[in-house]
Amino acid sequence: MELKEYMQILRKRIWIIIGFVAVACIGAGVKNYFLTVPIYEANAKLIVNQAYNAQGIPNLDISSIQTNIKVINSYIEIIKSSAILDKVAATYPDLGMNGNELGQSLRVTTANESQVMSLTATGLSSEKAAKTVNAVAKVFKSQIPVIMKVDNVTILSEAKPTDSSKPINVNPVINILISFLVGLLLSVGFVFLLEYLDDTLKTEDELEKELGIPALAVISRIRKEDARFSKQTTTSQKQVGDGQYATVNQ
């Protein structure tokens, strides 16, 4: 099948393609603007730096940085533990979340060979997300000396509500564009499927290609209006001379 034939197939069913794409784009727009609950996120950063022993005397040497990096994995697990999250829920009851809910909204990451930990919290408003992540950071910093017997965590930066003013799960332009592409691909595939399943012959070229012989005559399609006009013409012709004539004897 040549490129021209493909284009003819698409042109023949262009309204199906337009319909698919329109429905996909309208559906994406409705979902983004009316059915999606916006979710915001806020970030705070902690740094694991100078270590102090139990007596409060600084204990920093060349290997302390590598030691701090190695204990960060343990700190990530401690942040997400009930010992910290339940403490946050009890200290900040205005958040309206228990320890399990805090754990579901919290994400802790760190770059390789880095002493910096990044805390990310999600919420239904930018203010709540910022307040949640700041509360977790403060409680974690205050509890580390109790749990690990060292004070080596510092809050590098706190979250601000203005930093998370846009929801992370609502991006109408990208979502509509993706829906447009998906709708276009599905519609093109559906059109070619219809063409594959349609085994009727509609043109002289298709007939000649199928049978391998030239067409000798073509019967054009007769519209209802033409058939009605032809019937009326035939009837009127019959009526001419249909009257009764008297004979000479009469």
C-alpha atoms as a PDB file:
ATOM      1  CA  MET A   1       0.000   0.000   0.000  1.00  0.00           C
ATOM      2  CA  GLU A   2       1.441   3.353  -1.048  1.00  0.00           C
ATOM      3  CA  LEU A   3       1.611   6.534   0.979  1.00  0.00           C
ATOM      4  CA  LYS A   4      -1.162   8.119  -1.086  1.00  0.00           C
ATOM      5  CA  GLU A   5      -3.478   5.239  -0.234  1.00  0.00           C
ATOM      6  CA  TYR A   6      -2.733   5.657   3.464  1.00  0.00           C
ATOM      7  CA  MET A   7      -3.539   9.349   3.195  1.00  0.00           C
ATOM      8  CA  GLN A   8      -6.783   8.586   1.375  1.00  0.00           C
ATOM      9  CA  ILE A   9      -7.817   6.193   4.133  1.00  0.00           C
ATOM     10  CA  LEU A  10      -7.157   8.837   6.793  1.00  0.00           C
ATOM     11  CA  ARG A  11      -8.896  11.547   4.767  1.00  0.00           C
ATOM     12  CA  LYS A  12     -11.927   9.314   4.229  1.00  0.00           C
ATOM     13  CA  ARG A  13     -12.447   8.907   7.974  1.00  0.00           C
ATOM     14  CA  ILE A  14     -11.049  12.222   9.175  1.00  0.00           C
ATOM     15  CA  TRP A  15     -14.100  12.882  11.367  1.00  0.00           C
ATOM     16  CA  ILE A  16     -13.400   9.758  13.390  1.00  0.00           C
ATOM     17  CA  ILE A  17      -9.885  11.038  14.084  1.00  0.00           C
ATOM     18  CA  ILE A  18     -11.166  14.492  15.017  1.00  0.00           C
ATOM     19  CA  GLY A  19     -13.761  12.943  17.323  1.00  0.00           C
ATOM     20  CA  PHE A  20     -11.227  10.747  19.127  1.00  0.00           C
ATOM     21  CA  VAL A  21      -8.802  13.624  19.644  1.00  0.00           C
ATOM     22  CA  ALA A  22     -11.532  16.023  20.802  1.00  0.00           C
ATOM     23  CA  VAL A  23     -12.903  13.560  23.357  1.00  0.00           C
ATOM     24  CA  ALA A  24      -9.395  12.812  24.683  1.00  0.00           C
ATOM     25  CA  CYS A  25      -8.474  16.494  25.062  1.00  0.00           C
ATOM     26  CA  ILE A  26     -11.807  17.482  26.618  1.00  0.00           C
ATOM     27  CA  GLY A  27     -11.588  14.550  29.042  1.00  0.00           C
ATOM     28  CA  ALA A  28      -8.069  15.544  30.095  1.00  0.00           C
ATOM     29  CA  GLY A  29      -9.164  19.142  30.617  1.00  0.00           C
ATOM     30  CA  VAL A  30     -12.168  18.157  32.724  1.00  0.00           C
ATOM     31  CA  LYS A  31     -10.069  15.801  34.832  1.00  0.00           C
ATOM     32  CA  ASN A  32      -7.367  18.415  35.486  1.00  0.00           C
ATOM     33  CA  TYR A  33      -9.639  21.338  36.279  1.00  0.00           C
ATOM     34  CA  PHE A  34     -12.624  19.671  37.974  1.00  0.00           C
ATOM     35  CA  LEU A  35     -11.800  16.127  39.142  1.00  0.00           C
ATOM     36  CA  THR A  36      -8.213  16.352  40.390  1.00  0.00           C
ATOM     37  CA  VAL A  37      -7.542  17.309  44.005  1.00  0.00           C
ATOM     38  CA  PRO A  38      -4.424  19.529  43.991  1.00  0.00           C
ATOM     39  CA  ILE A  39      -1.469  18.293  46.030  1.00  0.00           C
ATOM     40  CA  TYR A  40       1.390  20.536  47.118  1.00  0.00           C
ATOM     41  CA  GLU A  41       4.852  19.654  48.363  1.00  0.00           C
ATOM     42  CA  ALA A  42       7.482  21.431  50.444  1.00  0.00           C
ATOM     43  CA  ASN A  43      11.172  20.709  51.025  1.00  0.00           C
ATOM     44  CA  ALA A  44      13.531  21.129  53.934  1.00  0.00           C
ATOM     45  CA  LYS A  45      17.222  20.216  54.089  1.00  0.00           C
ATOM     46  CA  LEU A  46      19.262  18.778  56.932  1.00  0.00           C
ATOM     47  CA  ILE A  47      23.011  18.392  57.090  1.00  0.00           C
ATOM     48  CA  VAL A  48      24.899  15.824  59.106  1.00  0.00           C
ATOM     49  CA  ASN A  49      28.059  17.665  60.131  1.00  0.00           C
ATOM     50  CA  GLN A  50      30.132  18.103  63.263  1.00  0.00           C
ATOM     51  CA  ALA A  51      29.769  15.355  65.863  1.00  0.00           C
ATOM     52  CA  TYR A  52      29.808  15.767  69.626  1.00  0.00           C
ATOM     53  CA  ASN A  53      30.328  13.054  72.166  1.00  0.00           C
ATOM     54  CA  ALA A  54      28.042  12.475  75.112  1.00  0.00           C
ATOM     55  CA  GLN A  55      29.863  15.081  77.248  1.00  0.00           C
ATOM     56  CA  GLY A  56      29.314  17.799  74.626  1.00  0.00           C
ATOM     57  CA  ILE A  57      32.971  17.970  73.570  1.00  0.00           C
ATOM     58  CA  PRO A  58      33.542  18.451  69.823  1.00  0.00           C
ATOM     59  CA  ASN A  59      34.758  15.296  68.161  1.00  0.00           C
ATOM     60  CA  LEU A  60      35.747  16.077  64.579  1.00  0.00           C
ATOM     61  CA  ASP A  61      38.566  14.541  62.593  1.00  0.00           C
ATOM     62  CA  ILE A  62      39.357  13.666  58.990  1.00  0.00           C
ATOM     63  CA  SER A  63      37.293  10.473  59.063  1.00  0.00           C
ATOM     64  CA  SER A  64      34.241  12.129  60.626  1.00  0.00           C
ATOM     65  CA  ILE A  65      32.858  13.264  57.269  1.00  0.00           C
ATOM     66  CA  GLN A  66      32.930   9.719  55.892  1.00  0.00           C
ATOM     67  CA  THR A  67      31.375   8.523  59.127  1.00  0.00           C
ATOM     68  CA  ASN A  68      28.572  11.078  58.810  1.00  0.00           C
ATOM     69  CA  ILE A  69      27.903   9.972  55.246  1.00  0.00           C
ATOM     70  CA  LYS A  70      27.668   6.347  56.316  1.00  0.00           C
ATOM     71  CA  VAL A  71      25.213   7.031  59.138  1.00  0.00           C
ATOM     72  CA  ILE A  72      22.853   8.973  56.855  1.00  0.00           C
ATOM     73  CA  ASN A  73      21.171   5.718  55.752  1.00  0.00           C
ATOM     74  CA  SER A  74      20.435   5.005  59.384  1.00  0.00           C
ATOM     75  CA  TYR A  75      19.135   8.535  59.846  1.00  0.00           C
ATOM     76  CA  ILE A  76      16.759   8.131  56.908  1.00  0.00           C
ATOM     77  CA  GLU A  77      15.226   5.079  58.577  1.00  0.00           C
ATOM     78  CA  ILE A  78      15.055   6.903  61.912  1.00  0.00           C
ATOM     79  CA  ILE A  79      13.181   9.844  60.366  1.00  0.00           C
ATOM     80  CA  LYS A  80      10.528   7.502  58.975  1.00  0.00           C
ATOM     81  CA  SER A  81      10.213   5.511  62.196  1.00  0.00           C
ATOM     82  CA  SER A  82       7.340   5.796  64.652  1.00  0.00           C
ATOM     83  CA  ALA A  83       9.747   7.183  67.279  1.00  0.00           C
ATOM     84  CA  ILE A  84       9.987  10.413  65.260  1.00  0.00           C
ATOM     85  CA  LEU A  85       6.645  10.553  63.460  1.00  0.00           C
ATOM     86  CA  ASP A  86       4.526   9.806  66.531  1.00  0.00           C
ATOM     87  CA  LYS A  87       6.476  12.505  68.344  1.00  0.00           C
ATOM     88  CA  VAL A  88       5.714  14.952  65.528  1.00  0.00           C
ATOM     89  CA  ALA A  89       2.010  14.069  65.653  1.00  0.00           C
ATOM     90  CA  ALA A  90       1.933  14.622  69.431  1.00  0.00           C
ATOM     91  CA  THR A  91       3.946  17.857  69.335  1.00  0.00           C
ATOM     92  CA  TYR A  92       2.036  19.384  66.437  1.00  0.00           C
ATOM     93  CA  PRO A  93      -1.622  18.250  66.802  1.00  0.00           C
ATOM     94  CA  ASP A  94      -2.756  21.075  64.529  1.00  0.00           C
ATOM     95  CA  LEU A  95      -1.358  19.101  61.579  1.00  0.00           C
ATOM     96  CA  GLY A  96      -4.298  16.735  62.000  1.00  0.00           C
ATOM     97  CA  MET A  97      -2.254  13.627  61.110  1.00  0.00           C
ATOM     98  CA  ASN A  98      -1.052  10.587  62.995  1.00  0.00           C
ATOM     99  CA  GLY A  99       2.300   8.884  62.579  1.00  0.00           C
ATOM    100  CA  ASN A 100       1.181   6.622  59.729  1.00  0.00           C
ATOM    101  CA  GLU A 101      -0.289   9.506  57.761  1.00  0.00           C
ATOM    102  CA  LEU A 102       2.872  11.524  58.254  1.00  0.00           C
ATOM    103  CA  GLY A 103       4.940   8.618  56.958  1.00  0.00           C
ATOM    104  CA  GLN A 104       2.798   8.369  53.811  1.00  0.00           C
ATOM    105  CA  SER A 105       3.240  12.071  53.060  1.00  0.00           C
ATOM    106  CA  LEU A 106       6.994  12.167  53.786  1.00  0.00           C
ATOM    107  CA  ARG A 107       9.907  11.345  51.481  1.00  0.00           C
ATOM    108  CA  VAL A 108      13.582  11.424  52.490  1.00  0.00           C
ATOM    109  CA  THR A 109      16.393  11.435  49.948  1.00  0.00           C
ATOM    110  CA  THR A 110      20.110  12.114  49.815  1.00  0.00           C
ATOM    111  CA  ALA A 111      22.677  12.411  47.065  1.00  0.00           C
ATOM    112  CA  ASN A 112      25.560   9.966  46.879  1.00  0.00           C
ATOM    113  CA  GLU A 113      28.582  10.942  48.963  1.00  0.00           C
ATOM    114  CA  SER A 114      26.658  13.890  50.416  1.00  0.00           C
ATOM    115  CA  GLN A 115      26.027  14.911  54.007  1.00  0.00           C
ATOM    116  CA  VAL A 116      22.787  16.680  53.071  1.00  0.00           C
ATOM    117  CA  MET A 117      19.401  15.040  53.502  1.00  0.00           C
ATOM    118  CA  SER A 118      16.337  16.368  51.717  1.00  0.00           C
ATOM    119  CA  LEU A 119      12.929  16.035  53.365  1.00  0.00           C
ATOM    120  CA  THR A 120       9.821  16.385  51.193  1.00  0.00           C
ATOM    121  CA  ALA A 121       6.266  16.448  52.511  1.00  0.00           C
ATOM    122  CA  THR A 122       3.009  16.635  50.587  1.00  0.00           C
ATOM    123  CA  GLY A 123      -0.267  18.246  51.603  1.00  0.00           C
ATOM    124  CA  LEU A 124      -3.552  19.647  50.362  1.00  0.00           C
ATOM    125  CA  SER A 125      -2.168  23.189  50.720  1.00  0.00           C
ATOM    126  CA  SER A 126       1.278  24.703  50.428  1.00  0.00           C
ATOM    127  CA  GLU A 127       1.081  25.981  54.009  1.00  0.00           C
ATOM    128  CA  LYS A 128       0.309  22.544  55.423  1.00  0.00           C
ATOM    129  CA  ALA A 129       3.041  20.878  53.392  1.00  0.00           C
ATOM    130  CA  ALA A 130       5.616  23.416  54.586  1.00  0.00           C
ATOM    131  CA  LYS A 131       4.489  23.154  58.192  1.00  0.00           C
ATOM    132  CA  THR A 132       4.610  19.348  58.086  1.00  0.00           C
ATOM    133  CA  VAL A 133       8.140  19.078  56.695  1.00  0.00           C
ATOM    134  CA  ASN A 134       9.452  21.762  59.079  1.00  0.00           C
ATOM    135  CA  ALA A 135       7.881  19.977  62.051  1.00  0.00           C
ATOM    136  CA  VAL A 136       9.512  16.665  61.080  1.00  0.00           C
ATOM    137  CA  ALA A 137      12.908  18.372  60.642  1.00  0.00           C
ATOM    138  CA  LYS A 138      12.738  20.086  64.049  1.00  0.00           C
ATOM    139  CA  VAL A 139      11.609  16.992  65.933  1.00  0.00           C
ATOM    140  CA  PHE A 140      14.243  14.836  64.226  1.00  0.00           C
ATOM    141  CA  LYS A 141      17.012  17.309  65.119  1.00  0.00           C
ATOM    142  CA  SER A 142      15.888  17.406  68.748  1.00  0.00           C
ATOM    143  CA  GLN A 143      15.601  13.611  69.060  1.00  0.00           C
ATOM    144  CA  ILE A 144      18.900  12.582  67.449  1.00  0.00           C
ATOM    145  CA  PRO A 145      20.982  13.408  70.558  1.00  0.00           C
ATOM    146  CA  VAL A 146      18.591  11.247  72.587  1.00  0.00           C
ATOM    147  CA  ILE A 147      18.610   8.333  70.138  1.00  0.00           C
ATOM    148  CA  MET A 148      22.197   8.356  68.814  1.00  0.00           C
ATOM    149  CA  LYS A 149      23.937  10.114  71.734  1.00  0.00           C
ATOM    150  CA  VAL A 150      25.513  12.583  69.305  1.00  0.00           C
ATOM    151  CA  ASP A 151      24.422  16.005  68.158  1.00  0.00           C
ATOM    152  CA  ASN A 152      25.472  16.158  64.517  1.00  0.00           C
ATOM    153  CA  VAL A 153      22.305  17.283  62.684  1.00  0.00           C
ATOM    154  CA  THR A 154      21.653  20.874  61.631  1.00  0.00           C
ATOM    155  CA  ILE A 155      18.669  22.284  59.770  1.00  0.00           C
ATOM    156  CA  LEU A 156      20.198  23.711  56.615  1.00  0.00           C
ATOM    157  CA  SER A 157      16.989  25.268  55.229  1.00  0.00           C
ATOM    158  CA  GLU A 158      13.335  25.276  56.207  1.00  0.00           C
ATOM    159  CA  ALA A 159      10.415  25.121  53.793  1.00  0.00           C
ATOM    160  CA  LYS A 160       8.444  28.222  52.933  1.00  0.00           C
ATOM    161  CA  PRO A 161       4.827  28.106  51.672  1.00  0.00           C
ATOM    162  CA  THR A 162       5.688  30.419  48.779  1.00  0.00           C
ATOM    163  CA  ASP A 163       8.169  27.851  47.461  1.00  0.00           C
ATOM    164  CA  SER A 164       5.359  25.344  46.834  1.00  0.00           C
ATOM    165  CA  SER A 165       2.546  27.546  45.579  1.00  0.00           C
ATOM    166  CA  LYS A 166       1.868  25.349  42.522  1.00  0.00           C
ATOM    167  CA  PRO A 167       0.320  21.869  42.849  1.00  0.00           C
ATOM    168  CA  ILE A 168       2.545  19.031  41.713  1.00  0.00           C
ATOM    169  CA  ASN A 169      -0.219  16.861  40.255  1.00  0.00           C
ATOM    170  CA  VAL A 170      -1.959  19.449  38.053  1.00  0.00           C
ATOM    171  CA  ASN A 171      -0.313  20.352  34.757  1.00  0.00           C
ATOM    172  CA  PRO A 172      -3.100  20.895  32.219  1.00  0.00           C
ATOM    173  CA  VAL A 173      -0.871  21.816  29.285  1.00  0.00           C
ATOM    174  CA  ILE A 174       1.257  18.658  29.515  1.00  0.00           C
ATOM    175  CA  ASN A 175      -1.718  16.406  30.267  1.00  0.00           C
ATOM    176  CA  ILE A 176      -3.787  17.767  27.372  1.00  0.00           C
ATOM    177  CA  LEU A 177      -0.811  17.409  25.033  1.00  0.00           C
ATOM    178  CA  ILE A 178      -0.326  13.797  26.109  1.00  0.00           C
ATOM    179  CA  SER A 179      -4.054  13.142  25.668  1.00  0.00           C
ATOM    180  CA  PHE A 180      -3.901  14.694  22.197  1.00  0.00           C
ATOM    181  CA  LEU A 181      -1.069  12.381  21.131  1.00  0.00           C
ATOM    182  CA  VAL A 182      -2.723   9.303  22.676  1.00  0.00           C
ATOM    183  CA  GLY A 183      -6.072  10.141  21.073  1.00  0.00           C
ATOM    184  CA  LEU A 184      -4.406  10.699  17.711  1.00  0.00           C
ATOM    185  CA  LEU A 185      -2.590   7.365  17.818  1.00  0.00           C
ATOM    186  CA  LEU A 186      -5.695   5.474  18.934  1.00  0.00           C
ATOM    187  CA  SER A 187      -7.862   7.094  16.280  1.00  0.00           C
ATOM    188  CA  VAL A 188      -5.390   6.350  13.479  1.00  0.00           C
ATOM    189  CA  GLY A 189      -5.160   2.745  14.612  1.00  0.00           C
ATOM    190  CA  PHE A 190      -8.959   2.494  14.782  1.00  0.00           C
ATOM    191  CA  VAL A 191      -9.314   3.954  11.285  1.00  0.00           C
ATOM    192  CA  PHE A 192      -6.887   1.431   9.799  1.00  0.00           C
ATOM    193  CA  LEU A 193      -8.658  -1.367  11.674  1.00  0.00           C
ATOM    194  CA  LEU A 194     -11.975  -0.317  10.133  1.00  0.00           C
ATOM    195  CA  GLU A 195     -10.369  -0.204   6.710  1.00  0.00           C
ATOM    196  CA  TYR A 196      -8.909  -3.673   7.214  1.00  0.00           C
ATOM    197  CA  LEU A 197     -12.278  -5.126   8.266  1.00  0.00           C
ATOM    198  CA  ASP A 198     -14.171  -3.403   5.438  1.00  0.00           C
ATOM    199  CA  ASP A 199     -14.136  -5.828   2.461  1.00  0.00           C
ATOM    200  CA  THR A 200     -16.656  -3.962   0.277  1.00  0.00           C
ATOM    201  CA  LEU A 201     -15.700  -2.488  -3.100  1.00  0.00           C
ATOM    202  CA  LYS A 202     -16.642   1.145  -3.536  1.00  0.00           C
ATOM    203  CA  THR A 203     -14.765   2.387  -6.611  1.00  0.00           C
ATOM    204  CA  GLU A 204     -13.862   1.231 -10.117  1.00  0.00           C
ATOM    205  CA  ASP A 205     -10.194   1.179  -9.191  1.00  0.00           C
ATOM    206  CA  GLU A 206     -10.834  -1.168  -6.263  1.00  0.00           C
ATOM    207  CA  LEU A 207     -12.898  -3.461  -8.521  1.00  0.00           C
ATOM    208  CA  GLU A 208     -10.257  -3.572 -11.241  1.00  0.00           C
ATOM    209  CA  LYS A 209      -7.537  -4.181  -8.683  1.00  0.00           C
ATOM    210  CA  GLU A 210      -9.499  -7.006  -7.057  1.00  0.00           C
ATOM    211  CA  LEU A 211     -10.604  -8.788 -10.262  1.00  0.00           C
ATOM    212  CA  GLY A 212      -7.656  -7.925 -12.478  1.00  0.00           C
ATOM    213  CA  ILE A 213      -9.887  -6.998 -15.444  1.00  0.00           C
ATOM    214  CA  PRO A 214     -11.045  -3.603 -16.704  1.00  0.00           C
ATOM    215  CA  ALA A 215     -14.557  -2.348 -15.989  1.00  0.00           C
ATOM    216  CA  LEU A 216     -16.776  -2.238 -19.104  1.00  0.00           C
ATOM    217  CA  ALA A 217     -19.651  -0.230 -17.662  1.00  0.00           C
ATOM    218  CA  VAL A 218     -20.599   1.641 -14.525  1.00  0.00           C
ATOM    219  CA  ILE A 219     -24.034   1.910 -12.980  1.00  0.00           C
ATOM    220  CA  SER A 220     -24.167   5.208 -11.172  1.00  0.00           C
ATOM    221  CA  ARG A 221     -25.991   5.588  -7.887  1.00  0.00           C
ATOM    222  CA  ILE A 222     -29.585   6.753  -8.303  1.00  0.00           C
ATOM    223  CA  ARG A 223     -30.793   9.172  -5.692  1.00  0.00           C
ATOM    224  CA  LYS A 224     -34.332   9.065  -4.392  1.00  0.00           C
ATOM    225  CA  GLU A 225     -35.056  12.474  -5.888  1.00  0.00           C
ATOM    226  CA  ASP A 226     -33.927  11.310  -9.339  1.00  0.00           C
ATOM    227  CA  ALA A 227     -35.984   8.126  -9.114  1.00  0.00           C
ATOM    228  CA  ARG A 228     -39.091  10.076  -8.098  1.00  0.00           C
ATOM    229  CA  PHE A 229     -38.603  12.551 -10.937  1.00  0.00           C
ATOM    230  CA  SER A 230     -38.108   9.720 -13.456  1.00  0.00           C
ATOM    231  CA  LYS A 231     -41.315   8.019 -12.277  1.00  0.00           C
ATOM    232  CA  GLN A 232     -43.305  11.216 -12.608  1.00  0.00           C
ATOM    233  CA  THR A 233     -41.956  11.791 -16.112  1.00  0.00           C
ATOM    234  CA  THR A 234     -42.903   8.275 -17.224  1.00  0.00           C
ATOM    235  CA  THR A 235     -46.406   8.643 -15.829  1.00  0.00           C
ATOM    236  CA  SER A 236     -46.970  11.944 -17.592  1.00  0.00           C
ATOM    237  CA  GLN A 237     -45.828  10.475 -20.906  1.00  0.00           C
ATOM    238  CA  LYS A 238     -48.304   7.630 -20.577  1.00  0.00           C
ATOM    239  CA  GLN A 239     -51.141  10.043 -19.960  1.00  0.00           C
ATOM    240  CA  VAL A 240     -50.697  11.717 -23.364  1.00  0.00           C
ATOM    241  CA  GLY A 241     -53.269  10.155 -25.767  1.00  0.00           C
ATOM    242  CA  ASP A 242     -54.855   8.045 -23.057  1.00  0.00           C
ATOM    243  CA  GLY A 243     -58.295   9.702 -23.571  1.00  0.00           C
ATOM    244  CA  GLN A 244     -61.232   7.759 -25.140  1.00  0.00           C
ATOM    245  CA  TYR A 245     -62.085   8.561 -28.736  1.00  0.00           C
ATOM    246  CA  ALA A 246     -65.524   8.289 -30.376  1.00  0.00           C
ATOM    247  CA  THR A 247     -65.834   6.236 -33.584  1.00  0.00           C
ATOM    248  CA  VAL A 248     -67.448   7.493 -36.740  1.00  0.00           C
ATOM    249  CA  ASN A 249     -70.421   5.208 -36.184  1.00  0.00           C
ATOM    250  CA  GLN A 250     -70.991   6.829 -32.792  1.00  0.00           C
END
